[in-house]
Structures are given as C-alpha cells and as structure tokens.
C-alpha cells in the first residue's frame, strides 16, 4: 500500500476502504484483507480474508461497491457482484475463485 493512500469509505470504526492511485484496499481492524487494482480484473486477498463473519460481511460490501471483475463459473462469465448475489454460499464461491486463481492470494 502506498503511503499516500487515503480514507475513501468508513463502514464503521474497524472496517474501512482506502484508495491510492492504483488500488482500492479493504482493511478490517488495521489488517489488510483485500485489494483491487483499479480498472482491471485483478483482485487480491490476504490470508485474513475469512477471519470472521464480521470481516466477511464488510468484505462482501467492498466487493459489491469497489470492484469490477469478471469471473468464470461453469463456462459462463459473470461480474463478481452478480455471482455473489446469485449464490447461497458466498464464502464457498470466494474459496472456489481462489482455488481457480481468479482471486489471487498475497501477503
């Protein structure tokens, strides 16, 4: 994260979105959870992405509001927002996207 990252959105005291020139960052309790490279299909998660139900709740909000990636599921392509909306198990969907390298783990 660049030192010039600025606060973009505060969901609550412990879950925030930061922004710099290249990325949007989602942080929970001062821990980086995810980053999205602007205007790309590059979404990255840290190992803390599924730390708690609260973290996941705000991660889903971040994905809906700040990302715009296309994902492939069963030979069809969807926006991540559509896929999250249509699934009954958002966590499993994200786990599957990690396994297929559509979401990249880092850190």
Foldseek 3Di string as FASTA:
>chain_A
DDPPWDWDADPDPFWTWTDDPFWIFIGGNNHTAKIEGPPALAIEGEPCCPVDPVSVVVVLVCLLPPDFHWDDDPNDIDTLNVVCVPDPDNVVVVVVCPVVVSYHYDD
